[in-house]
């Protein structure tokens, strides 16, 4: 398994790496269940945790994209307000 965050330079990069490696993390947890804390093992085996993580990544992508647009030199106040309203919908 390559470095967990290798090549991920965006804000959600490490979270994306965790999702990409979820199968490995689950396998390690199962193979070492005797020595891994039961709470950790339960969390890793919950599919809902991975789904929530994927949802968080989607939200972070939207926020990151909005920041990129707002930080441009030619971004107007109305564009900024429009992006904020769009983010608030999600």
PDB file of N, CA and C in Angstrom:
ATOM      1  N   UNK A   1       0.852  -1.169   0.000  1.00  0.00           N
ATOM      2  CA  UNK A   1       0.000   0.000   0.000  1.00  0.00           C
ATOM      3  C   UNK A   1       0.894   1.226   0.000  1.00  0.00           C
ATOM      4  N   UNK A   2       0.711   2.109  -0.964  1.00  0.00           N
ATOM      5  CA  UNK A   2       1.505   3.338  -1.047  1.00  0.00           C
ATOM      6  C   UNK A   2       1.142   4.247   0.110  1.00  0.00           C
ATOM      7  N   UNK A   3       1.904   5.322   0.241  1.00  0.00           N
ATOM      8  CA  UNK A   3       1.624   6.280   1.304  1.00  0.00           C
ATOM      9  C   UNK A   3       0.168   6.691   1.272  1.00  0.00           C
ATOM     10  N   UNK A   4      -0.430   6.831   2.417  1.00  0.00           N
ATOM     11  CA  UNK A   4      -1.855   7.092   2.512  1.00  0.00           C
ATOM     12  C   UNK A   4      -2.254   8.362   1.770  1.00  0.00           C
ATOM     13  N   UNK A   5      -1.421   9.374   1.822  1.00  0.00           N
ATOM     14  CA  UNK A   5      -1.767  10.658   1.202  1.00  0.00           C
ATOM     15  C   UNK A   5      -0.928  10.951  -0.033  1.00  0.00           C
ATOM     16  N   UNK A   6      -0.207   9.997  -0.504  1.00  0.00           N
ATOM     17  CA  UNK A   6       0.700  10.211  -1.625  1.00  0.00           C
ATOM     18  C   UNK A   6      -0.043  10.725  -2.849  1.00  0.00           C
ATOM     19  N   UNK A   7       0.401  11.892  -3.350  1.00  0.00           N
ATOM     20  CA  UNK A   7      -0.200  12.448  -4.554  1.00  0.00           C
ATOM     21  C   UNK A   7      -1.501  13.186  -4.331  1.00  0.00           C
ATOM     22  N   UNK A   8      -1.939  13.314  -3.097  1.00  0.00           N
ATOM     23  CA  UNK A   8      -3.193  14.004  -2.816  1.00  0.00           C
ATOM     24  C   UNK A   8      -2.887  15.356  -2.204  1.00  0.00           C
ATOM     25  N   UNK A   9      -2.937  16.409  -3.024  1.00  0.00           N
ATOM     26  CA  UNK A   9      -2.585  17.740  -2.556  1.00  0.00           C
ATOM     27  C   UNK A   9      -3.793  18.615  -2.276  1.00  0.00           C
ATOM     28  N   UNK A  10      -4.969  18.148  -2.543  1.00  0.00           N
ATOM     29  CA  UNK A  10      -6.147  18.962  -2.287  1.00  0.00           C
ATOM     30  C   UNK A  10      -6.632  18.728  -0.857  1.00  0.00           C
ATOM     31  N   UNK A  11      -7.509  19.607  -0.352  1.00  0.00           N
ATOM     32  CA  UNK A  11      -7.936  19.504   1.048  1.00  0.00           C
ATOM     33  C   UNK A  11      -8.504  18.139   1.447  1.00  0.00           C
ATOM     34  N   UNK A  12      -9.223  17.499   0.554  1.00  0.00           N
ATOM     35  CA  UNK A  12      -9.844  16.218   0.893  1.00  0.00           C
ATOM     36  C   UNK A  12      -8.970  15.026   0.516  1.00  0.00           C
ATOM     37  N   UNK A  13      -7.703  15.272   0.181  1.00  0.00           N
ATOM     38  CA  UNK A  13      -6.828  14.211  -0.316  1.00  0.00           C
ATOM     39  C   UNK A  13      -6.666  13.039   0.626  1.00  0.00           C
ATOM     40  N   UNK A  14      -6.425  13.305   1.897  1.00  0.00           N
ATOM     41  CA  UNK A  14      -6.222  12.190   2.827  1.00  0.00           C
ATOM     42  C   UNK A  14      -7.507  11.411   3.044  1.00  0.00           C
ATOM     43  N   UNK A  15      -8.648  12.096   3.015  1.00  0.00           N
ATOM     44  CA  UNK A  15      -9.927  11.391   3.159  1.00  0.00           C
ATOM     45  C   UNK A  15     -10.187  10.501   1.942  1.00  0.00           C
ATOM     46  N   UNK A  16      -9.833  11.010   0.761  1.00  0.00           N
ATOM     47  CA  UNK A  16      -9.974  10.203  -0.450  1.00  0.00           C
ATOM     48  C   UNK A  16      -9.078   8.973  -0.387  1.00  0.00           C
ATOM     49  N   UNK A  17      -7.877   9.147   0.157  1.00  0.00           N
ATOM     50  CA  UNK A  17      -6.957   8.013   0.283  1.00  0.00           C
ATOM     51  C   UNK A  17      -7.527   6.953   1.222  1.00  0.00           C
ATOM     52  N   UNK A  18      -8.171   7.391   2.289  1.00  0.00           N
ATOM     53  CA  UNK A  18      -8.792   6.434   3.221  1.00  0.00           C
ATOM     54  C   UNK A  18      -9.889   5.659   2.500  1.00  0.00           C
ATOM     55  N   UNK A  19     -10.714   6.349   1.718  1.00  0.00           N
ATOM     56  CA  UNK A  19     -11.772   5.662   0.959  1.00  0.00           C
ATOM     57  C   UNK A  19     -11.181   4.669  -0.040  1.00  0.00           C
ATOM     58  N   UNK A  20     -10.136   5.116  -0.738  1.00  0.00           N
ATOM     59  CA  UNK A  20      -9.482   4.236  -1.729  1.00  0.00           C
ATOM     60  C   UNK A  20      -8.924   2.979  -1.064  1.00  0.00           C
ATOM     61  N   UNK A  21      -8.435   3.127   0.152  1.00  0.00           N
ATOM     62  CA  UNK A  21      -7.788   2.009   0.842  1.00  0.00           C
ATOM     63  C   UNK A  21      -8.703   1.323   1.853  1.00  0.00           C
ATOM     64  N   UNK A  22     -10.002   1.612   1.785  1.00  0.00           N
ATOM     65  CA  UNK A  22     -10.942   1.067   2.769  1.00  0.00           C
ATOM     66  C   UNK A  22     -10.868  -0.455   2.840  1.00  0.00           C
ATOM     67  N   UNK A  23     -10.764  -1.101   1.712  1.00  0.00           N
ATOM     68  CA  UNK A  23     -10.677  -2.570   1.699  1.00  0.00           C
ATOM     69  C   UNK A  23      -9.460  -3.076   2.462  1.00  0.00           C
ATOM     70  N   UNK A  24      -8.324  -2.404   2.281  1.00  0.00           N
ATOM     71  CA  UNK A  24      -7.106  -2.786   3.008  1.00  0.00           C
ATOM     72  C   UNK A  24      -7.266  -2.551   4.503  1.00  0.00           C
ATOM     73  N   UNK A  25      -7.872  -1.415   4.850  1.00  0.00           N
ATOM     74  CA  UNK A  25      -8.074  -1.091   6.264  1.00  0.00           C
ATOM     75  C   UNK A  25      -8.987  -2.128   6.910  1.00  0.00           C
ATOM     76  N   UNK A  26     -10.052  -2.487   6.219  1.00  0.00           N
ATOM     77  CA  UNK A  26     -10.983  -3.500   6.731  1.00  0.00           C
ATOM     78  C   UNK A  26     -10.295  -4.856   6.871  1.00  0.00           C
ATOM     79  N   UNK A  27      -9.502  -5.219   5.876  1.00  0.00           N
ATOM     80  CA  UNK A  27      -8.779  -6.492   5.913  1.00  0.00           C
ATOM     81  C   UNK A  27      -7.797  -6.536   7.084  1.00  0.00           C
ATOM     82  N   UNK A  28      -7.062  -5.464   7.293  1.00  0.00           N
ATOM     83  CA  UNK A  28      -6.113  -5.397   8.414  1.00  0.00           C
ATOM     84  C   UNK A  28      -6.854  -5.503   9.734  1.00  0.00           C
ATOM     85  N   UNK A  29      -7.989  -4.821   9.822  1.00  0.00           N
ATOM     86  CA  UNK A  29      -8.793  -4.877  11.043  1.00  0.00           C
ATOM     87  C   UNK A  29      -9.280  -6.296  11.327  1.00  0.00           C
ATOM     88  N   UNK A  30      -9.742  -6.979  10.293  1.00  0.00           N
ATOM     89  CA  UNK A  30     -10.223  -8.354  10.453  1.00  0.00           C
ATOM     90  C   UNK A  30      -9.088  -9.322  10.801  1.00  0.00           C
ATOM     91  N   UNK A  31      -7.950  -9.160  10.119  1.00  0.00           N
ATOM     92  CA  UNK A  31      -6.817 -10.055  10.354  1.00  0.00           C
ATOM     93  C   UNK A  31      -6.211  -9.897  11.748  1.00  0.00           C
ATOM     94  N   UNK A  32      -6.400  -8.730  12.346  1.00  0.00           N
ATOM     95  CA  UNK A  32      -5.783  -8.438  13.639  1.00  0.00           C
ATOM     96  C   UNK A  32      -6.820  -8.121  14.711  1.00  0.00           C
ATOM     97  N   UNK A  33      -7.991  -8.722  14.604  1.00  0.00           N
ATOM     98  CA  UNK A  33      -9.083  -8.384  15.521  1.00  0.00           C
ATOM     99  C   UNK A  33      -8.775  -8.652  16.988  1.00  0.00           C
ATOM    100  N   UNK A  34      -7.848  -9.570  17.250  1.00  0.00           N
ATOM    101  CA  UNK A  34      -7.504  -9.871  18.647  1.00  0.00           C
ATOM    102  C   UNK A  34      -6.772  -8.715  19.323  1.00  0.00           C
ATOM    103  N   UNK A  35      -6.039  -7.928  18.559  1.00  0.00           N
ATOM    104  CA  UNK A  35      -5.228  -6.853  19.146  1.00  0.00           C
ATOM    105  C   UNK A  35      -5.775  -5.447  18.867  1.00  0.00           C
ATOM    106  N   UNK A  36      -6.773  -5.346  18.017  1.00  0.00           N
ATOM    107  CA  UNK A  36      -7.353  -4.035  17.706  1.00  0.00           C
ATOM    108  C   UNK A  36      -8.528  -3.787  18.637  1.00  0.00           C
ATOM    109  N   UNK A  37      -8.574  -2.572  19.155  1.00  0.00           N
ATOM    110  CA  UNK A  37      -9.648  -2.157  20.052  1.00  0.00           C
ATOM    111  C   UNK A  37     -11.006  -2.450  19.396  1.00  0.00           C
ATOM    112  N   UNK A  38     -11.930  -2.981  20.173  1.00  0.00           N
ATOM    113  CA  UNK A  38     -13.241  -3.386  19.642  1.00  0.00           C
ATOM    114  C   UNK A  38     -14.015  -2.210  19.068  1.00  0.00           C
ATOM    115  N   UNK A  39     -13.898  -1.037  19.682  1.00  0.00           N
ATOM    116  CA  UNK A  39     -14.612   0.148  19.178  1.00  0.00           C
ATOM    117  C   UNK A  39     -14.077   0.524  17.794  1.00  0.00           C
ATOM    118  N   UNK A  40     -12.759   0.494  17.635  1.00  0.00           N
ATOM    119  CA  UNK A  40     -12.143   0.798  16.344  1.00  0.00           C
ATOM    120  C   UNK A  40     -12.590  -0.223  15.310  1.00  0.00           C
ATOM    121  N   UNK A  41     -12.568  -1.470  15.691  1.00  0.00           N
ATOM    122  CA  UNK A  41     -12.970  -2.537  14.763  1.00  0.00           C
ATOM    123  C   UNK A  41     -14.429  -2.367  14.334  1.00  0.00           C
ATOM    124  N   UNK A  42     -15.298  -2.010  15.263  1.00  0.00           N
ATOM    125  CA  UNK A  42     -16.711  -1.796  14.928  1.00  0.00           C
ATOM    126  C   UNK A  42     -16.876  -0.629  13.967  1.00  0.00           C
ATOM    127  N   UNK A  43     -16.134   0.457  14.197  1.00  0.00           N
ATOM    128  CA  UNK A  43     -16.234   1.629  13.327  1.00  0.00           C
ATOM    129  C   UNK A  43     -15.743   1.305  11.909  1.00  0.00           C
ATOM    130  N   UNK A  44     -14.640   0.583  11.820  1.00  0.00           N
ATOM    131  CA  UNK A  44     -14.078   0.249  10.507  1.00  0.00           C
ATOM    132  C   UNK A  44     -15.034  -0.659   9.726  1.00  0.00           C
ATOM    133  N   UNK A  45     -15.735  -1.518  10.419  1.00  0.00           N
ATOM    134  CA  UNK A  45     -16.608  -2.463   9.722  1.00  0.00           C
ATOM    135  C   UNK A  45     -17.966  -1.860   9.357  1.00  0.00           C
ATOM    136  N   UNK A  46     -18.238  -0.634   9.795  1.00  0.00           N
ATOM    137  CA  UNK A  46     -19.505   0.026   9.446  1.00  0.00           C
ATOM    138  C   UNK A  46     -19.409   0.642   8.052  1.00  0.00           C
ATOM    139  N   UNK A  47     -20.233   0.200   7.172  1.00  0.00           N
ATOM    140  CA  UNK A  47     -20.264   0.764   5.822  1.00  0.00           C
ATOM    141  C   UNK A  47     -20.773   2.204   5.860  1.00  0.00           C
ATOM    142  N   UNK A  48     -21.626   2.511   6.835  1.00  0.00           N
ATOM    143  CA  UNK A  48     -22.170   3.871   6.934  1.00  0.00           C
ATOM    144  C   UNK A  48     -21.060   4.890   7.175  1.00  0.00           C
ATOM    145  N   UNK A  49     -20.009   4.504   7.865  1.00  0.00           N
ATOM    146  CA  UNK A  49     -18.886   5.404   8.097  1.00  0.00           C
ATOM    147  C   UNK A  49     -18.214   5.767   6.769  1.00  0.00           C
ATOM    148  N   UNK A  50     -18.034   4.783   5.910  1.00  0.00           N
ATOM    149  CA  UNK A  50     -17.426   5.045   4.598  1.00  0.00           C
ATOM    150  C   UNK A  50     -18.341   5.919   3.742  1.00  0.00           C
ATOM    151  N   UNK A  51     -19.625   5.672   3.801  1.00  0.00           N
ATOM    152  CA  UNK A  51     -20.580   6.481   3.038  1.00  0.00           C
ATOM    153  C   UNK A  51     -20.558   7.925   3.529  1.00  0.00           C
ATOM    154  N   UNK A  52     -20.529   8.122   4.847  1.00  0.00           N
ATOM    155  CA  UNK A  52     -20.448   9.471   5.405  1.00  0.00           C
ATOM    156  C   UNK A  52     -19.153  10.159   4.982  1.00  0.00           C
ATOM    157  N   UNK A  53     -18.082   9.415   4.942  1.00  0.00           N
ATOM    158  CA  UNK A  53     -16.798   9.950   4.510  1.00  0.00           C
ATOM    159  C   UNK A  53     -16.854  10.394   3.050  1.00  0.00           C
ATOM    160  N   UNK A  54     -17.484   9.599   2.205  1.00  0.00           N
ATOM    161  CA  UNK A  54     -17.636   9.960   0.794  1.00  0.00           C
ATOM    162  C   UNK A  54     -18.496  11.212   0.641  1.00  0.00           C
ATOM    163  N   UNK A  55     -19.551  11.333   1.466  1.00  0.00           N
ATOM    164  CA  UNK A  55     -20.395  12.536   1.442  1.00  0.00           C
ATOM    165  C   UNK A  55     -19.596  13.767   1.862  1.00  0.00           C
ATOM    166  N   UNK A  56     -18.764  13.618   2.884  1.00  0.00           N
ATOM    167  CA  UNK A  56     -17.928  14.717   3.349  1.00  0.00           C
ATOM    168  C   UNK A  56     -16.955  15.158   2.254  1.00  0.00           C
ATOM    169  N   UNK A  57     -16.381  14.204   1.552  1.00  0.00           N
ATOM    170  CA  UNK A  57     -15.458  14.517   0.452  1.00  0.00           C
ATOM    171  C   UNK A  57     -16.189  15.331  -0.622  1.00  0.00           C
ATOM    172  N   UNK A  58     -17.408  14.950  -0.951  1.00  0.00           N
ATOM    173  CA  UNK A  58     -18.183  15.689  -1.951  1.00  0.00           C
ATOM    174  C   UNK A  58     -18.414  17.130  -1.511  1.00  0.00           C
ATOM    175  N   UNK A  59     -18.760  17.323  -0.245  1.00  0.00           N
ATOM    176  CA  UNK A  59     -18.976  18.674   0.263  1.00  0.00           C
ATOM    177  C   UNK A  59     -17.681  19.483   0.248  1.00  0.00           C
ATOM    178  N   UNK A  60     -16.578  18.854   0.631  1.00  0.00           N
ATOM    179  CA  UNK A  60     -15.297  19.557   0.640  1.00  0.00           C
ATOM    180  C   UNK A  60     -14.874  19.964  -0.768  1.00  0.00           C
ATOM    181  N   UNK A  61     -15.194  19.126  -1.760  1.00  0.00           N
ATOM    182  CA  UNK A  61     -14.882  19.469  -3.148  1.00  0.00           C
ATOM    183  C   UNK A  61     -15.639  20.724  -3.577  1.00  0.00           C
ATOM    184  N   UNK A  62     -16.923  20.798  -3.206  1.00  0.00           N
ATOM    185  CA  UNK A  62     -17.726  21.972  -3.550  1.00  0.00           C
ATOM    186  C   UNK A  62     -17.161  23.231  -2.896  1.00  0.00           C
ATOM    187  N   UNK A  63     -16.795  23.115  -1.623  1.00  0.00           N
ATOM    188  CA  UNK A  63     -16.245  24.257  -0.888  1.00  0.00           C
ATOM    189  C   UNK A  63     -14.907  24.671  -1.483  1.00  0.00           C
ATOM    190  N   UNK A  64     -14.072  23.711  -1.778  1.00  0.00           N
ATOM    191  CA  UNK A  64     -12.762  23.996  -2.359  1.00  0.00           C
ATOM    192  C   UNK A  64     -12.906  24.696  -3.713  1.00  0.00           C
ATOM    193  N   UNK A  65     -13.832  24.226  -4.512  1.00  0.00           N
ATOM    194  CA  UNK A  65     -14.073  24.829  -5.815  1.00  0.00           C
ATOM    195  C   UNK A  65     -14.568  26.272  -5.658  1.00  0.00           C
ATOM    196  N   UNK A  66     -15.459  26.487  -4.704  1.00  0.00           N
ATOM    197  CA  UNK A  66     -15.970  27.840  -4.465  1.00  0.00           C
ATOM    198  C   UNK A  66     -14.842  28.765  -4.010  1.00  0.00           C
ATOM    199  N   UNK A  67     -13.982  28.295  -3.125  1.00  0.00           N
ATOM    200  CA  UNK A  67     -12.842  29.107  -2.679  1.00  0.00           C
ATOM    201  C   UNK A  67     -11.950  29.477  -3.861  1.00  0.00           C
ATOM    202  N   UNK A  68     -11.685  28.519  -4.728  1.00  0.00           N
ATOM    203  CA  UNK A  68     -10.846  28.796  -5.900  1.00  0.00           C
ATOM    204  C   UNK A  68     -11.463  29.903  -6.763  1.00  0.00           C
ATOM    205  N   UNK A  69     -12.775  29.824  -6.976  1.00  0.00           N
ATOM    206  CA  UNK A  69     -13.449  30.812  -7.813  1.00  0.00           C
ATOM    207  C   UNK A  69     -13.460  32.192  -7.154  1.00  0.00           C
ATOM    208  N   UNK A  70     -13.726  32.228  -5.852  1.00  0.00           N
ATOM    209  CA  UNK A  70     -13.804  33.504  -5.134  1.00  0.00           C
ATOM    210  C   UNK A  70     -12.438  34.182  -5.057  1.00  0.00           C
ATOM    211  N   UNK A  71     -11.381  33.414  -5.011  1.00  0.00           N
ATOM    212  CA  UNK A  71     -10.045  33.983  -4.864  1.00  0.00           C
ATOM    213  C   UNK A  71      -9.456  34.478  -6.185  1.00  0.00           C
ATOM    214  N   UNK A  72     -10.163  34.264  -7.281  1.00  0.00           N
ATOM    215  CA  UNK A  72      -9.700  34.814  -8.556  1.00  0.00           C
ATOM    216  C   UNK A  72      -9.764  36.331  -8.498  1.00  0.00           C
ATOM    217  N   UNK A  73      -8.915  36.974  -9.232  1.00  0.00           N
ATOM    218  CA  UNK A  73      -8.877  38.443  -9.248  1.00  0.00           C
ATOM    219  C   UNK A  73     -10.114  39.054  -9.910  1.00  0.00           C
ATOM    220  N   UNK A  74     -10.741  38.309 -10.794  1.00  0.00           N
ATOM    221  CA  UNK A  74     -11.878  38.868 -11.524  1.00  0.00           C
ATOM    222  C   UNK A  74     -13.234  38.410 -10.997  1.00  0.00           C
ATOM    223  N   UNK A  75     -13.271  37.852  -9.793  1.00  0.00           N
ATOM    224  CA  UNK A  75     -14.532  37.390  -9.217  1.00  0.00           C
ATOM    225  C   UNK A  75     -15.300  38.593  -8.651  1.00  0.00           C
ATOM    226  N   UNK A  76     -16.562  38.701  -9.033  1.00  0.00           N
ATOM    227  CA  UNK A  76     -17.372  39.817  -8.564  1.00  0.00           C
ATOM    228  C   UNK A  76     -18.091  39.454  -7.260  1.00  0.00           C
ATOM    229  N   UNK A  77     -18.598  40.473  -6.592  1.00  0.00           N
ATOM    230  CA  UNK A  77     -19.348  40.241  -5.351  1.00  0.00           C
ATOM    231  C   UNK A  77     -20.592  39.410  -5.636  1.00  0.00           C
ATOM    232  N   UNK A  78     -21.266  39.691  -6.732  1.00  0.00           N
ATOM    233  CA  UNK A  78     -22.480  38.931  -7.064  1.00  0.00           C
ATOM    234  C   UNK A  78     -22.158  37.452  -7.317  1.00  0.00           C
ATOM    235  N   UNK A  79     -21.017  37.173  -7.950  1.00  0.00           N
ATOM    236  CA  UNK A  79     -20.608  35.774  -8.155  1.00  0.00           C
ATOM    237  C   UNK A  79     -20.336  35.106  -6.810  1.00  0.00           C
ATOM    238  N   UNK A  80     -19.698  35.831  -5.918  1.00  0.00           N
ATOM    239  CA  UNK A  80     -19.399  35.284  -4.588  1.00  0.00           C
ATOM    240  C   UNK A  80     -20.677  34.963  -3.831  1.00  0.00           C
ATOM    241  N   UNK A  81     -21.634  35.889  -3.879  1.00  0.00           N
ATOM    242  CA  UNK A  81     -22.917  35.668  -3.201  1.00  0.00           C
ATOM    243  C   UNK A  81     -23.636  34.483  -3.822  1.00  0.00           C
ATOM    244  N   UNK A  82     -23.599  34.385  -5.128  1.00  0.00           N
ATOM    245  CA  UNK A  82     -24.243  33.278  -5.827  1.00  0.00           C
ATOM    246  C   UNK A  82     -23.629  31.932  -5.410  1.00  0.00           C
ATOM    247  N   UNK A  83     -22.294  31.890  -5.321  1.00  0.00           N
ATOM    248  CA  UNK A  83     -21.620  30.649  -4.902  1.00  0.00           C
ATOM    249  C   UNK A  83     -21.982  30.296  -3.464  1.00  0.00           C
ATOM    250  N   UNK A  84     -22.069  31.312  -2.603  1.00  0.00           N
ATOM    251  CA  UNK A  84     -22.424  31.066  -1.202  1.00  0.00           C
ATOM    252  C   UNK A  84     -23.825  30.482  -1.121  1.00  0.00           C
ATOM    253  N   UNK A  85     -24.770  31.044  -1.876  1.00  0.00           N
ATOM    254  CA  UNK A  85     -26.136  30.537  -1.887  1.00  0.00           C
ATOM    255  C   UNK A  85     -26.172  29.091  -2.376  1.00  0.00           C
ATOM    256  N   UNK A  86     -25.380  28.799  -3.397  1.00  0.00           N
ATOM    257  CA  UNK A  86     -25.324  27.430  -3.930  1.00  0.00           C
ATOM    258  C   UNK A  86     -24.781  26.460  -2.874  1.00  0.00           C
ATOM    259  N   UNK A  87     -23.761  26.893  -2.147  1.00  0.00           N
ATOM    260  CA  UNK A  87     -23.217  26.042  -1.083  1.00  0.00           C
ATOM    261  C   UNK A  87     -24.240  25.815   0.030  1.00  0.00           C
ATOM    262  N   UNK A  88     -25.012  26.826   0.324  1.00  0.00           N
ATOM    263  CA  UNK A  88     -26.000  26.712   1.400  1.00  0.00           C
ATOM    264  C   UNK A  88     -27.114  25.716   1.045  1.00  0.00           C
ATOM    265  N   UNK A  89     -27.383  25.532  -0.253  1.00  0.00           N
ATOM    266  CA  UNK A  89     -28.378  24.542  -0.688  1.00  0.00           C
ATOM    267  C   UNK A  89     -27.926  23.126  -0.360  1.00  0.00           C
ATOM    268  N   UNK A  90     -26.614  22.925  -0.483  1.00  0.00           N
ATOM    269  CA  UNK A  90     -26.073  21.595  -0.265  1.00  0.00           C
ATOM    270  C   UNK A  90     -25.769  21.456   1.181  1.00  0.00           C
TER     271      UNK A  90
END
